[in-house]
Amino acid sequence: MDSQIELNQERLRLRDKFGKALPSLMKAEQVVLDEVYKDGALPAKIKRLMAMCVALGVGCTNCILGQTTAAIDKGATKEEILEALSVLLAIRGTTGMAESLRVIKILEEKGMV
């Protein structure tokens, strides 16, 4: 499996390039993301964990990378991430586990497991 951190860095590079090509669209998207992922009734960290599980459920690699990294950046612990993965597995079964290995790899690369 490729380095998930390197894949995420490439995702960010391409996202920035896309943003330069369509700046008004990306600015509007950022406004929505800032609103959605701010602390509210649910803390931003929980929202990112939820988004990580949704991304895993639909199999969006870029979303998995971004949401897992954002959850960690918001302070999600290994235990919180693994517990969120357990909820995904309860709903998605083996298909959830297959994509969850990408998250385990990110944790491994960050020295968290």
PDB file of N, CA and C in Angstrom:
ATOM      1  N   MET A   1       0.858  -1.183   0.000  1.00  0.00           N
ATOM      2  CA  MET A   1       0.000   0.000   0.000  1.00  0.00           C
ATOM      3  C   MET A   1       0.897   1.237   0.000  1.00  0.00           C
ATOM      4  N   ASP A   2       0.561   2.185  -0.832  1.00  0.00           N
ATOM      5  CA  ASP A   2       1.316   3.428  -0.917  1.00  0.00           C
ATOM      6  C   ASP A   2       1.225   4.200   0.392  1.00  0.00           C
ATOM      7  N   SER A   3       2.180   5.100   0.589  1.00  0.00           N
ATOM      8  CA  SER A   3       2.142   5.971   1.761  1.00  0.00           C
ATOM      9  C   SER A   3       0.896   6.850   1.698  1.00  0.00           C
ATOM     10  N   GLN A   4       0.083   6.758   2.728  1.00  0.00           N
ATOM     11  CA  GLN A   4      -1.137   7.554   2.777  1.00  0.00           C
ATOM     12  C   GLN A   4      -0.813   9.031   3.001  1.00  0.00           C
ATOM     13  N   ILE A   5       0.246   9.303   3.728  1.00  0.00           N
ATOM     14  CA  ILE A   5       0.665  10.694   3.932  1.00  0.00           C
ATOM     15  C   ILE A   5       1.092  11.308   2.606  1.00  0.00           C
ATOM     16  N   GLU A   6       1.840  10.555   1.805  1.00  0.00           N
ATOM     17  CA  GLU A   6       2.247  11.059   0.485  1.00  0.00           C
ATOM     18  C   GLU A   6       1.034  11.240  -0.425  1.00  0.00           C
ATOM     19  N   LEU A   7       0.104  10.298  -0.374  1.00  0.00           N
ATOM     20  CA  LEU A   7      -1.120  10.449  -1.172  1.00  0.00           C
ATOM     21  C   LEU A   7      -1.886  11.700  -0.747  1.00  0.00           C
ATOM     22  N   ASN A   8      -1.926  11.960   0.547  1.00  0.00           N
ATOM     23  CA  ASN A   8      -2.622  13.146   1.032  1.00  0.00           C
ATOM     24  C   ASN A   8      -1.906  14.424   0.588  1.00  0.00           C
ATOM     25  N   GLN A   9      -0.587  14.416   0.615  1.00  0.00           N
ATOM     26  CA  GLN A   9       0.168  15.588   0.143  1.00  0.00           C
ATOM     27  C   GLN A   9      -0.105  15.852  -1.334  1.00  0.00           C
ATOM     28  N   GLU A  10      -0.199  14.797  -2.115  1.00  0.00           N
ATOM     29  CA  GLU A  10      -0.522  14.946  -3.540  1.00  0.00           C
ATOM     30  C   GLU A  10      -1.951  15.462  -3.708  1.00  0.00           C
ATOM     31  N   ARG A  11      -2.871  14.975  -2.886  1.00  0.00           N
ATOM     32  CA  ARG A  11      -4.255  15.454  -2.916  1.00  0.00           C
ATOM     33  C   ARG A  11      -4.299  16.952  -2.643  1.00  0.00           C
ATOM     34  N   LEU A  12      -3.546  17.391  -1.654  1.00  0.00           N
ATOM     35  CA  LEU A  12      -3.521  18.817  -1.306  1.00  0.00           C
ATOM     36  C   LEU A  12      -2.898  19.650  -2.427  1.00  0.00           C
ATOM     37  N   ARG A  13      -1.852  19.128  -3.058  1.00  0.00           N
ATOM     38  CA  ARG A  13      -1.212  19.837  -4.167  1.00  0.00           C
ATOM     39  C   ARG A  13      -2.194  20.023  -5.319  1.00  0.00           C
ATOM     40  N   LEU A  14      -2.900  18.967  -5.645  1.00  0.00           N
ATOM     41  CA  LEU A  14      -3.861  19.038  -6.743  1.00  0.00           C
ATOM     42  C   LEU A  14      -5.065  19.900  -6.384  1.00  0.00           C
ATOM     43  N   ARG A  15      -5.492  19.845  -5.128  1.00  0.00           N
ATOM     44  CA  ARG A  15      -6.597  20.702  -4.685  1.00  0.00           C
ATOM     45  C   ARG A  15      -6.220  22.173  -4.825  1.00  0.00           C
ATOM     46  N   ASP A  16      -4.972  22.509  -4.473  1.00  0.00           N
ATOM     47  CA  ASP A  16      -4.514  23.893  -4.615  1.00  0.00           C
ATOM     48  C   ASP A  16      -4.476  24.315  -6.077  1.00  0.00           C
ATOM     49  N   LYS A  17      -4.054  23.414  -6.934  1.00  0.00           N
ATOM     50  CA  LYS A  17      -4.021  23.701  -8.370  1.00  0.00           C
ATOM     51  C   LYS A  17      -5.440  23.910  -8.902  1.00  0.00           C
ATOM     52  N   PHE A  18      -6.359  23.070  -8.466  1.00  0.00           N
ATOM     53  CA  PHE A  18      -7.761  23.199  -8.843  1.00  0.00           C
ATOM     54  C   PHE A  18      -8.302  24.547  -8.362  1.00  0.00           C
ATOM     55  N   GLY A  19      -7.934  24.919  -7.141  1.00  0.00           N
ATOM     56  CA  GLY A  19      -8.360  26.204  -6.580  1.00  0.00           C
ATOM     57  C   GLY A  19      -7.864  27.395  -7.372  1.00  0.00           C
ATOM     58  N   LYS A  20      -6.677  27.292  -7.919  1.00  0.00           N
ATOM     59  CA  LYS A  20      -6.148  28.387  -8.752  1.00  0.00           C
ATOM     60  C   LYS A  20      -6.875  28.455 -10.087  1.00  0.00           C
ATOM     61  N   ALA A  21      -7.329  27.305 -10.566  1.00  0.00           N
ATOM     62  CA  ALA A  21      -8.047  27.276 -11.840  1.00  0.00           C
ATOM     63  C   ALA A  21      -9.480  27.797 -11.691  1.00  0.00           C
ATOM     64  N   LEU A  22     -10.083  27.556 -10.518  1.00  0.00           N
ATOM     65  CA  LEU A  22     -11.469  27.975 -10.264  1.00  0.00           C
ATOM     66  C   LEU A  22     -11.559  28.652  -8.883  1.00  0.00           C
ATOM     67  N   PRO A  23     -10.931  29.816  -8.736  1.00  0.00           N
ATOM     68  CA  PRO A  23     -10.843  30.426  -7.399  1.00  0.00           C
ATOM     69  C   PRO A  23     -12.184  30.789  -6.771  1.00  0.00           C
ATOM     70  N   SER A  24     -13.131  31.286  -7.550  1.00  0.00           N
ATOM     71  CA  SER A  24     -14.407  31.670  -6.948  1.00  0.00           C
ATOM     72  C   SER A  24     -15.179  30.441  -6.453  1.00  0.00           C
ATOM     73  N   LEU A  25     -15.096  29.340  -7.184  1.00  0.00           N
ATOM     74  CA  LEU A  25     -15.738  28.102  -6.761  1.00  0.00           C
ATOM     75  C   LEU A  25     -15.107  27.584  -5.471  1.00  0.00           C
ATOM     76  N   MET A  26     -13.798  27.572  -5.421  1.00  0.00           N
ATOM     77  CA  MET A  26     -13.115  27.064  -4.238  1.00  0.00           C
ATOM     78  C   MET A  26     -13.365  27.962  -3.022  1.00  0.00           C
ATOM     79  N   LYS A  27     -13.453  29.262  -3.250  1.00  0.00           N
ATOM     80  CA  LYS A  27     -13.745  30.176  -2.146  1.00  0.00           C
ATOM     81  C   LYS A  27     -15.130  29.882  -1.577  1.00  0.00           C
ATOM     82  N   ALA A  28     -16.105  29.669  -2.437  1.00  0.00           N
ATOM     83  CA  ALA A  28     -17.463  29.344  -2.005  1.00  0.00           C
ATOM     84  C   ALA A  28     -17.487  28.006  -1.263  1.00  0.00           C
ATOM     85  N   GLU A  29     -16.775  27.037  -1.776  1.00  0.00           N
ATOM     86  CA  GLU A  29     -16.692  25.724  -1.127  1.00  0.00           C
ATOM     87  C   GLU A  29     -16.076  25.852   0.265  1.00  0.00           C
ATOM     88  N   GLN A  30     -15.047  26.689   0.385  1.00  0.00           N
ATOM     89  CA  GLN A  30     -14.381  26.865   1.674  1.00  0.00           C
ATOM     90  C   GLN A  30     -15.317  27.497   2.699  1.00  0.00           C
ATOM     91  N   VAL A  31     -16.161  28.406   2.255  1.00  0.00           N
ATOM     92  CA  VAL A  31     -17.147  29.020   3.151  1.00  0.00           C
ATOM     93  C   VAL A  31     -18.067  27.939   3.720  1.00  0.00           C
ATOM     94  N   VAL A  32     -18.530  27.044   2.861  1.00  0.00           N
ATOM     95  CA  VAL A  32     -19.408  25.953   3.304  1.00  0.00           C
ATOM     96  C   VAL A  32     -18.660  25.045   4.289  1.00  0.00           C
ATOM     97  N   LEU A  33     -17.450  24.652   3.946  1.00  0.00           N
ATOM     98  CA  LEU A  33     -16.679  23.759   4.809  1.00  0.00           C
ATOM     99  C   LEU A  33     -16.398  24.398   6.161  1.00  0.00           C
ATOM    100  N   ASP A  34     -16.041  25.674   6.158  1.00  0.00           N
ATOM    101  CA  ASP A  34     -15.779  26.375   7.422  1.00  0.00           C
ATOM    102  C   ASP A  34     -17.017  26.380   8.306  1.00  0.00           C
ATOM    103  N   GLU A  35     -18.171  26.577   7.701  1.00  0.00           N
ATOM    104  CA  GLU A  35     -19.425  26.589   8.457  1.00  0.00           C
ATOM    105  C   GLU A  35     -19.755  25.203   9.003  1.00  0.00           C
ATOM    106  N   VAL A  36     -19.633  24.196   8.167  1.00  0.00           N
ATOM    107  CA  VAL A  36     -19.998  22.835   8.564  1.00  0.00           C
ATOM    108  C   VAL A  36     -19.088  22.304   9.668  1.00  0.00           C
ATOM    109  N   TYR A  37     -17.801  22.518   9.548  1.00  0.00           N
ATOM    110  CA  TYR A  37     -16.844  21.881  10.449  1.00  0.00           C
ATOM    111  C   TYR A  37     -16.432  22.730  11.647  1.00  0.00           C
ATOM    112  N   LYS A  38     -17.139  23.837  11.905  1.00  0.00           N
ATOM    113  CA  LYS A  38     -16.823  24.612  13.105  1.00  0.00           C
ATOM    114  C   LYS A  38     -17.480  23.945  14.313  1.00  0.00           C
ATOM    115  N   ASP A  39     -16.943  24.260  15.489  1.00  0.00           N
ATOM    116  CA  ASP A  39     -17.561  23.768  16.717  1.00  0.00           C
ATOM    117  C   ASP A  39     -18.968  24.310  16.828  1.00  0.00           C
ATOM    118  N   GLY A  40     -19.881  23.452  17.213  1.00  0.00           N
ATOM    119  CA  GLY A  40     -21.272  23.830  17.421  1.00  0.00           C
ATOM    120  C   GLY A  40     -21.839  22.903  18.466  1.00  0.00           C
ATOM    121  N   ALA A  41     -23.060  22.423  18.258  1.00  0.00           N
ATOM    122  CA  ALA A  41     -23.624  21.430  19.169  1.00  0.00           C
ATOM    123  C   ALA A  41     -22.710  20.196  19.219  1.00  0.00           C
ATOM    124  N   LEU A  42     -22.079  19.900  18.078  1.00  0.00           N
ATOM    125  CA  LEU A  42     -21.049  18.859  18.021  1.00  0.00           C
ATOM    126  C   LEU A  42     -19.688  19.521  17.842  1.00  0.00           C
ATOM    127  N   PRO A  43     -18.691  19.069  18.576  1.00  0.00           N
ATOM    128  CA  PRO A  43     -17.339  19.611  18.369  1.00  0.00           C
ATOM    129  C   PRO A  43     -16.816  19.262  16.967  1.00  0.00           C
ATOM    130  N   ALA A  44     -15.952  20.110  16.446  1.00  0.00           N
ATOM    131  CA  ALA A  44     -15.372  19.898  15.118  1.00  0.00           C
ATOM    132  C   ALA A  44     -14.721  18.523  15.000  1.00  0.00           C
ATOM    133  N   LYS A  45     -14.065  18.069  16.048  1.00  0.00           N
ATOM    134  CA  LYS A  45     -13.406  16.759  16.018  1.00  0.00           C
ATOM    135  C   LYS A  45     -14.423  15.649  15.750  1.00  0.00           C
ATOM    136  N   ILE A  46     -15.577  15.709  16.406  1.00  0.00           N
ATOM    137  CA  ILE A  46     -16.606  14.685  16.209  1.00  0.00           C
ATOM    138  C   ILE A  46     -17.152  14.761  14.787  1.00  0.00           C
ATOM    139  N   LYS A  47     -17.339  15.974  14.284  1.00  0.00           N
ATOM    140  CA  LYS A  47     -17.819  16.129  12.912  1.00  0.00           C
ATOM    141  C   LYS A  47     -16.832  15.518  11.925  1.00  0.00           C
ATOM    142  N   ARG A  48     -15.539  15.691  12.176  1.00  0.00           N
ATOM    143  CA  ARG A  48     -14.527  15.116  11.279  1.00  0.00           C
ATOM    144  C   ARG A  48     -14.516  13.593  11.367  1.00  0.00           C
ATOM    145  N   LEU A  49     -14.716  13.045  12.574  1.00  0.00           N
ATOM    146  CA  LEU A  49     -14.805  11.593  12.704  1.00  0.00           C
ATOM    147  C   LEU A  49     -16.027  11.056  11.966  1.00  0.00           C
ATOM    148  N   MET A  50     -17.137  11.770  12.072  1.00  0.00           N
ATOM    149  CA  MET A  50     -18.340  11.377  11.337  1.00  0.00           C
ATOM    150  C   MET A  50     -18.074  11.409   9.836  1.00  0.00           C
ATOM    151  N   ALA A  51     -17.451  12.479   9.372  1.00  0.00           N
ATOM    152  CA  ALA A  51     -17.156  12.614   7.939  1.00  0.00           C
ATOM    153  C   ALA A  51     -16.192  11.527   7.475  1.00  0.00           C
ATOM    154  N   MET A  52     -15.234  11.161   8.336  1.00  0.00           N
ATOM    155  CA  MET A  52     -14.306  10.085   8.005  1.00  0.00           C
ATOM    156  C   MET A  52     -15.082   8.794   7.762  1.00  0.00           C
ATOM    157  N   CYS A  53     -16.039   8.496   8.630  1.00  0.00           N
ATOM    158  CA  CYS A  53     -16.830   7.267   8.484  1.00  0.00           C
ATOM    159  C   CYS A  53     -17.705   7.306   7.235  1.00  0.00           C
ATOM    160  N   VAL A  54     -18.285   8.445   6.947  1.00  0.00           N
ATOM    161  CA  VAL A  54     -19.078   8.574   5.719  1.00  0.00           C
ATOM    162  C   VAL A  54     -18.173   8.345   4.505  1.00  0.00           C
ATOM    163  N   ALA A  55     -16.992   8.967   4.525  1.00  0.00           N
ATOM    164  CA  ALA A  55     -16.046   8.806   3.416  1.00  0.00           C
ATOM    165  C   ALA A  55     -15.648   7.341   3.249  1.00  0.00           C
ATOM    166  N   LEU A  56     -15.406   6.673   4.367  1.00  0.00           N
ATOM    167  CA  LEU A  56     -15.074   5.251   4.306  1.00  0.00           C
ATOM    168  C   LEU A  56     -16.230   4.449   3.726  1.00  0.00           C
ATOM    169  N   GLY A  57     -17.437   4.804   4.111  1.00  0.00           N
ATOM    170  CA  GLY A  57     -18.617   4.089   3.630  1.00  0.00           C
ATOM    171  C   GLY A  57     -18.834   4.200   2.138  1.00  0.00           C
ATOM    172  N   VAL A  58     -18.457   5.351   1.570  1.00  0.00           N
ATOM    173  CA  VAL A  58     -18.632   5.522   0.124  1.00  0.00           C
ATOM    174  C   VAL A  58     -17.361   5.209  -0.653  1.00  0.00           C
ATOM    175  N   GLY A  59     -16.261   4.961   0.066  1.00  0.00           N
ATOM    176  CA  GLY A  59     -15.014   4.573  -0.594  1.00  0.00           C
ATOM    177  C   GLY A  59     -14.294   5.696  -1.311  1.00  0.00           C
ATOM    178  N   CYS A  60     -14.418   6.925  -0.807  1.00  0.00           N
ATOM    179  CA  CYS A  60     -13.748   8.073  -1.430  1.00  0.00           C
ATOM    180  C   CYS A  60     -12.362   8.242  -0.824  1.00  0.00           C
ATOM    181  N   THR A  61     -11.338   7.800  -1.532  1.00  0.00           N
ATOM    182  CA  THR A  61      -9.971   7.840  -1.012  1.00  0.00           C
ATOM    183  C   THR A  61      -9.555   9.250  -0.601  1.00  0.00           C
ATOM    184  N   ASN A  62      -9.778  10.227  -1.462  1.00  0.00           N
ATOM    185  CA  ASN A  62      -9.388  11.600  -1.121  1.00  0.00           C
ATOM    186  C   ASN A  62     -10.109  12.087   0.130  1.00  0.00           C
ATOM    187  N   CYS A  63     -11.385  11.753   0.254  1.00  0.00           N
ATOM    188  CA  CYS A  63     -12.164  12.153   1.432  1.00  0.00           C
ATOM    189  C   CYS A  63     -11.653  11.448   2.682  1.00  0.00           C
ATOM    190  N   ILE A  64     -11.324  10.171   2.558  1.00  0.00           N
ATOM    191  CA  ILE A  64     -10.791   9.414   3.691  1.00  0.00           C
ATOM    192  C   ILE A  64      -9.502  10.056   4.183  1.00  0.00           C
ATOM    193  N   LEU A  65      -8.617  10.360   3.253  1.00  0.00           N
ATOM    194  CA  LEU A  65      -7.340  10.981   3.621  1.00  0.00           C
ATOM    195  C   LEU A  65      -7.565  12.320   4.301  1.00  0.00           C
ATOM    196  N   GLY A  66      -8.392  13.155   3.693  1.00  0.00           N
ATOM    197  CA  GLY A  66      -8.626  14.494   4.219  1.00  0.00           C
ATOM    198  C   GLY A  66      -9.317  14.484   5.572  1.00  0.00           C
ATOM    199  N   GLN A  67     -10.359  13.659   5.708  1.00  0.00           N
ATOM    200  CA  GLN A  67     -11.119  13.650   6.959  1.00  0.00           C
ATOM    201  C   GLN A  67     -10.350  12.994   8.097  1.00  0.00           C
ATOM    202  N   THR A  68      -9.601  11.947   7.805  1.00  0.00           N
ATOM    203  CA  THR A  68      -8.792  11.314   8.852  1.00  0.00           C
ATOM    204  C   THR A  68      -7.733  12.282   9.347  1.00  0.00           C
ATOM    205  N   THR A  69      -7.056  12.934   8.424  1.00  0.00           N
ATOM    206  CA  THR A  69      -6.034  13.911   8.796  1.00  0.00           C
ATOM    207  C   THR A  69      -6.645  15.069   9.573  1.00  0.00           C
ATOM    208  N   ALA A  70      -7.801  15.555   9.131  1.00  0.00           N
ATOM    209  CA  ALA A  70      -8.466  16.661   9.826  1.00  0.00           C
ATOM    210  C   ALA A  70      -8.891  16.243  11.230  1.00  0.00           C
ATOM    211  N   ALA A  71      -9.375  15.012  11.390  1.00  0.00           N
ATOM    212  CA  ALA A  71      -9.765  14.522  12.715  1.00  0.00           C
ATOM    213  C   ALA A  71      -8.554  14.494  13.648  1.00  0.00           C
ATOM    214  N   ILE A  72      -7.437  13.999  13.143  1.00  0.00           N
ATOM    215  CA  ILE A  72      -6.201  13.972  13.937  1.00  0.00           C
ATOM    216  C   ILE A  72      -5.771  15.392  14.278  1.00  0.00           C
ATOM    217  N   ASP A  73      -5.832  16.283  13.297  1.00  0.00           N
ATOM    218  CA  ASP A  73      -5.452  17.681  13.531  1.00  0.00           C
ATOM    219  C   ASP A  73      -6.351  18.348  14.569  1.00  0.00           C
ATOM    220  N   LYS A  74      -7.601  17.896  14.664  1.00  0.00           N
ATOM    221  CA  LYS A  74      -8.544  18.443  15.651  1.00  0.00           C
ATOM    222  C   LYS A  74      -8.408  17.756  17.009  1.00  0.00           C
ATOM    223  N   GLY A  75      -7.451  16.821  17.105  1.00  0.00           N
ATOM    224  CA  GLY A  75      -7.175  16.195  18.393  1.00  0.00           C
ATOM    225  C   GLY A  75      -7.730  14.805  18.584  1.00  0.00           C
ATOM    226  N   ALA A  76      -8.271  14.196  17.539  1.00  0.00           N
ATOM    227  CA  ALA A  76      -8.786  12.833  17.673  1.00  0.00           C
ATOM    228  C   ALA A  76      -7.644  11.895  18.045  1.00  0.00           C
ATOM    229  N   THR A  77      -7.905  11.080  19.037  1.00  0.00           N
ATOM    230  CA  THR A  77      -6.910  10.106  19.485  1.00  0.00           C
ATOM    231  C   THR A  77      -7.053   8.815  18.692  1.00  0.00           C
ATOM    232  N   LYS A  78      -6.054   7.986  18.819  1.00  0.00           N
ATOM    233  CA  LYS A  78      -6.111   6.661  18.197  1.00  0.00           C
ATOM    234  C   LYS A  78      -7.357   5.927  18.671  1.00  0.00           C
ATOM    235  N   GLU A  79      -7.642   5.991  19.966  1.00  0.00           N
ATOM    236  CA  GLU A  79      -8.787   5.291  20.524  1.00  0.00           C
ATOM    237  C   GLU A  79     -10.108   5.816  19.942  1.00  0.00           C
ATOM    238  N   GLU A  80     -10.221   7.122  19.777  1.00  0.00           N
ATOM    239  CA  GLU A  80     -11.436   7.701  19.197  1.00  0.00           C
ATOM    240  C   GLU A  80     -11.604   7.294  17.742  1.00  0.00           C
ATOM    241  N   ILE A  81     -10.511   7.293  17.005  1.00  0.00           N
ATOM    242  CA  ILE A  81     -10.563   6.895  15.599  1.00  0.00           C
ATOM    243  C   ILE A  81     -10.957   5.426  15.484  1.00  0.00           C
ATOM    244  N   LEU A  82     -10.335   4.571  16.300  1.00  0.00           N
ATOM    245  CA  LEU A  82     -10.658   3.149  16.249  1.00  0.00           C
ATOM    246  C   LEU A  82     -12.108   2.896  16.658  1.00  0.00           C
ATOM    247  N   GLU A  83     -12.602   3.638  17.637  1.00  0.00           N
ATOM    248  CA  GLU A  83     -14.003   3.467  18.042  1.00  0.00           C
ATOM    249  C   GLU A  83     -14.945   3.909  16.928  1.00  0.00           C
ATOM    250  N   ALA A  84     -14.603   5.003  16.249  1.00  0.00           N
ATOM    251  CA  ALA A  84     -15.403   5.438  15.098  1.00  0.00           C
ATOM    252  C   ALA A  84     -15.387   4.362  14.018  1.00  0.00           C
ATOM    253  N   LEU A  85     -14.226   3.747  13.795  1.00  0.00           N
ATOM    254  CA  LEU A  85     -14.136   2.661  12.807  1.00  0.00           C
ATOM    255  C   LEU A  85     -15.012   1.484  13.215  1.00  0.00           C
ATOM    256  N   SER A  86     -15.119   1.224  14.522  1.00  0.00           N
ATOM    257  CA  SER A  86     -15.953   0.105  14.966  1.00  0.00           C
ATOM    258  C   SER A  86     -17.420   0.350  14.621  1.00  0.00           C
ATOM    259  N   VAL A  87     -17.866   1.612  14.696  1.00  0.00           N
ATOM    260  CA  VAL A  87     -19.237   1.933  14.307  1.00  0.00           C
ATOM    261  C   VAL A  87     -19.412   1.688  12.808  1.00  0.00           C
ATOM    262  N   LEU A  88     -18.440   2.128  12.031  1.00  0.00           N
ATOM    263  CA  LEU A  88     -18.488   1.886  10.585  1.00  0.00           C
ATOM    264  C   LEU A  88     -18.581   0.395  10.291  1.00  0.00           C
ATOM    265  N   LEU A  89     -17.780  -0.398  10.981  1.00  0.00           N
ATOM    266  CA  LEU A  89     -17.785  -1.839  10.737  1.00  0.00           C
ATOM    267  C   LEU A  89     -19.123  -2.462  11.112  1.00  0.00           C
ATOM    268  N   ALA A  90     -19.769  -1.951  12.162  1.00  0.00           N
ATOM    269  CA  ALA A  90     -21.079  -2.463  12.551  1.00  0.00           C
ATOM    270  C   ALA A  90     -22.107  -2.225  11.446  1.00  0.00           C
ATOM    271  N   ILE A  91     -21.964  -1.134  10.730  1.00  0.00           N
ATOM    272  CA  ILE A  91     -22.910  -0.784   9.662  1.00  0.00           C
ATOM    273  C   ILE A  91     -22.497  -1.393   8.325  1.00  0.00           C
ATOM    274  N   ARG A  92     -21.209  -1.329   7.987  1.00  0.00           N
ATOM    275  CA  ARG A  92     -20.745  -1.705   6.645  1.00  0.00           C
ATOM    276  C   ARG A  92     -20.128  -3.098   6.545  1.00  0.00           C
ATOM    277  N   GLY A  93     -19.773  -3.706   7.650  1.00  0.00           N
ATOM    278  CA  GLY A  93     -19.167  -5.038   7.604  1.00  0.00           C
ATOM    279  C   GLY A  93     -17.811  -5.030   6.918  1.00  0.00           C
ATOM    280  N   THR A  94     -17.569  -6.079   6.119  1.00  0.00           N
ATOM    281  CA  THR A  94     -16.243  -6.249   5.518  1.00  0.00           C
ATOM    282  C   THR A  94     -15.891  -5.143   4.534  1.00  0.00           C
ATOM    283  N   THR A  95     -16.878  -4.543   3.887  1.00  0.00           N
ATOM    284  CA  THR A  95     -16.536  -3.442   2.974  1.00  0.00           C
ATOM    285  C   THR A  95     -16.018  -2.244   3.763  1.00  0.00           C
ATOM    286  N   GLY A  96     -16.536  -2.043   4.953  1.00  0.00           N
ATOM    287  CA  GLY A  96     -16.019  -0.988   5.819  1.00  0.00           C
ATOM    288  C   GLY A  96     -14.612  -1.288   6.288  1.00  0.00           C
ATOM    289  N   MET A  97     -14.345  -2.545   6.579  1.00  0.00           N
ATOM    290  CA  MET A  97     -13.008  -2.919   7.026  1.00  0.00           C
ATOM    291  C   MET A  97     -11.987  -2.706   5.916  1.00  0.00           C
ATOM    292  N   ALA A  98     -12.349  -3.040   4.705  1.00  0.00           N
ATOM    293  CA  ALA A  98     -11.406  -2.904   3.588  1.00  0.00           C
ATOM    294  C   ALA A  98     -10.898  -1.470   3.476  1.00  0.00           C
ATOM    295  N   GLU A  99     -11.795  -0.503   3.508  1.00  0.00           N
ATOM    296  CA  GLU A  99     -11.378   0.896   3.407  1.00  0.00           C
ATOM    297  C   GLU A  99     -10.729   1.392   4.696  1.00  0.00           C
ATOM    298  N   SER A 100     -11.113   0.819   5.838  1.00  0.00           N
ATOM    299  CA  SER A 100     -10.550   1.239   7.121  1.00  0.00           C
ATOM    300  C   SER A 100      -9.051   0.980   7.218  1.00  0.00           C
ATOM    301  N   LEU A 101      -8.565   0.037   6.444  1.00  0.00           N
ATOM    302  CA  LEU A 101      -7.127  -0.247   6.464  1.00  0.00           C
ATOM    303  C   LEU A 101      -6.319   0.977   6.050  1.00  0.00           C
ATOM    304  N   ARG A 102      -6.897   1.832   5.224  1.00  0.00           N
ATOM    305  CA  ARG A 102      -6.242   3.082   4.827  1.00  0.00           C
ATOM    306  C   ARG A 102      -6.048   3.978   6.060  1.00  0.00           C
ATOM    307  N   VAL A 103      -7.043   4.011   6.934  1.00  0.00           N
ATOM    308  CA  VAL A 103      -6.950   4.807   8.160  1.00  0.00           C
ATOM    309  C   VAL A 103      -5.890   4.217   9.091  1.00  0.00           C
ATOM    310  N   ILE A 104      -5.877   2.899   9.214  1.00  0.00           N
ATOM    311  CA  ILE A 104      -4.857   2.244  10.041  1.00  0.00           C
ATOM    312  C   ILE A 104      -3.465   2.586   9.518  1.00  0.00           C
ATOM    313  N   LYS A 105      -3.320   2.631   8.210  1.00  0.00           N
ATOM    314  CA  LYS A 105      -2.019   2.972   7.605  1.00  0.00           C
ATOM    315  C   LYS A 105      -1.626   4.410   7.950  1.00  0.00           C
ATOM    316  N   ILE A 106      -2.580   5.337   7.921  1.00  0.00           N
ATOM    317  CA  ILE A 106      -2.281   6.721   8.305  1.00  0.00           C
ATOM    318  C   ILE A 106      -1.827   6.752   9.762  1.00  0.00           C
ATOM    319  N   LEU A 107      -2.553   6.077  10.638  1.00  0.00           N
ATOM    320  CA  LEU A 107      -2.160   6.033  12.052  1.00  0.00           C
ATOM    321  C   LEU A 107      -0.764   5.444  12.211  1.00  0.00           C
ATOM    322  N   GLU A 108      -0.489   4.393  11.459  1.00  0.00           N
ATOM    323  CA  GLU A 108       0.829   3.758  11.502  1.00  0.00           C
ATOM    324  C   GLU A 108       1.919   4.737  11.054  1.00  0.00           C
ATOM    325  N   GLU A 109       1.677   5.429   9.948  1.00  0.00           N
ATOM    326  CA  GLU A 109       2.667   6.376   9.423  1.00  0.00           C
ATOM    327  C   GLU A 109       2.908   7.538  10.379  1.00  0.00           C
ATOM    328  N   LYS A 110       1.892   7.890  11.168  1.00  0.00           N
ATOM    329  CA  LYS A 110       2.032   8.979  12.140  1.00  0.00           C
ATOM    330  C   LYS A 110       2.547   8.471  13.487  1.00  0.00           C
ATOM    331  N   GLY A 111       2.846   7.166  13.569  1.00  0.00           N
ATOM    332  CA  GLY A 111       3.372   6.588  14.798  1.00  0.00           C
ATOM    333  C   GLY A 111       2.337   6.438  15.896  1.00  0.00           C
ATOM    334  N   MET A 112       1.057   6.387  15.513  1.00  0.00           N
ATOM    335  CA  MET A 112      -0.015   6.289  16.499  1.00  0.00           C
ATOM    336  C   MET A 112      -0.408   4.854  16.802  1.00  0.00           C
ATOM    337  N   VAL A 113      -0.033   3.891  15.946  1.00  0.00           N
ATOM    338  CA  VAL A 113      -0.274   2.460  16.203  1.00  0.00           C
ATOM    339  C   VAL A 113       0.984   1.691  15.881  1.00  0.00           C
TER     340      VAL A 113
END
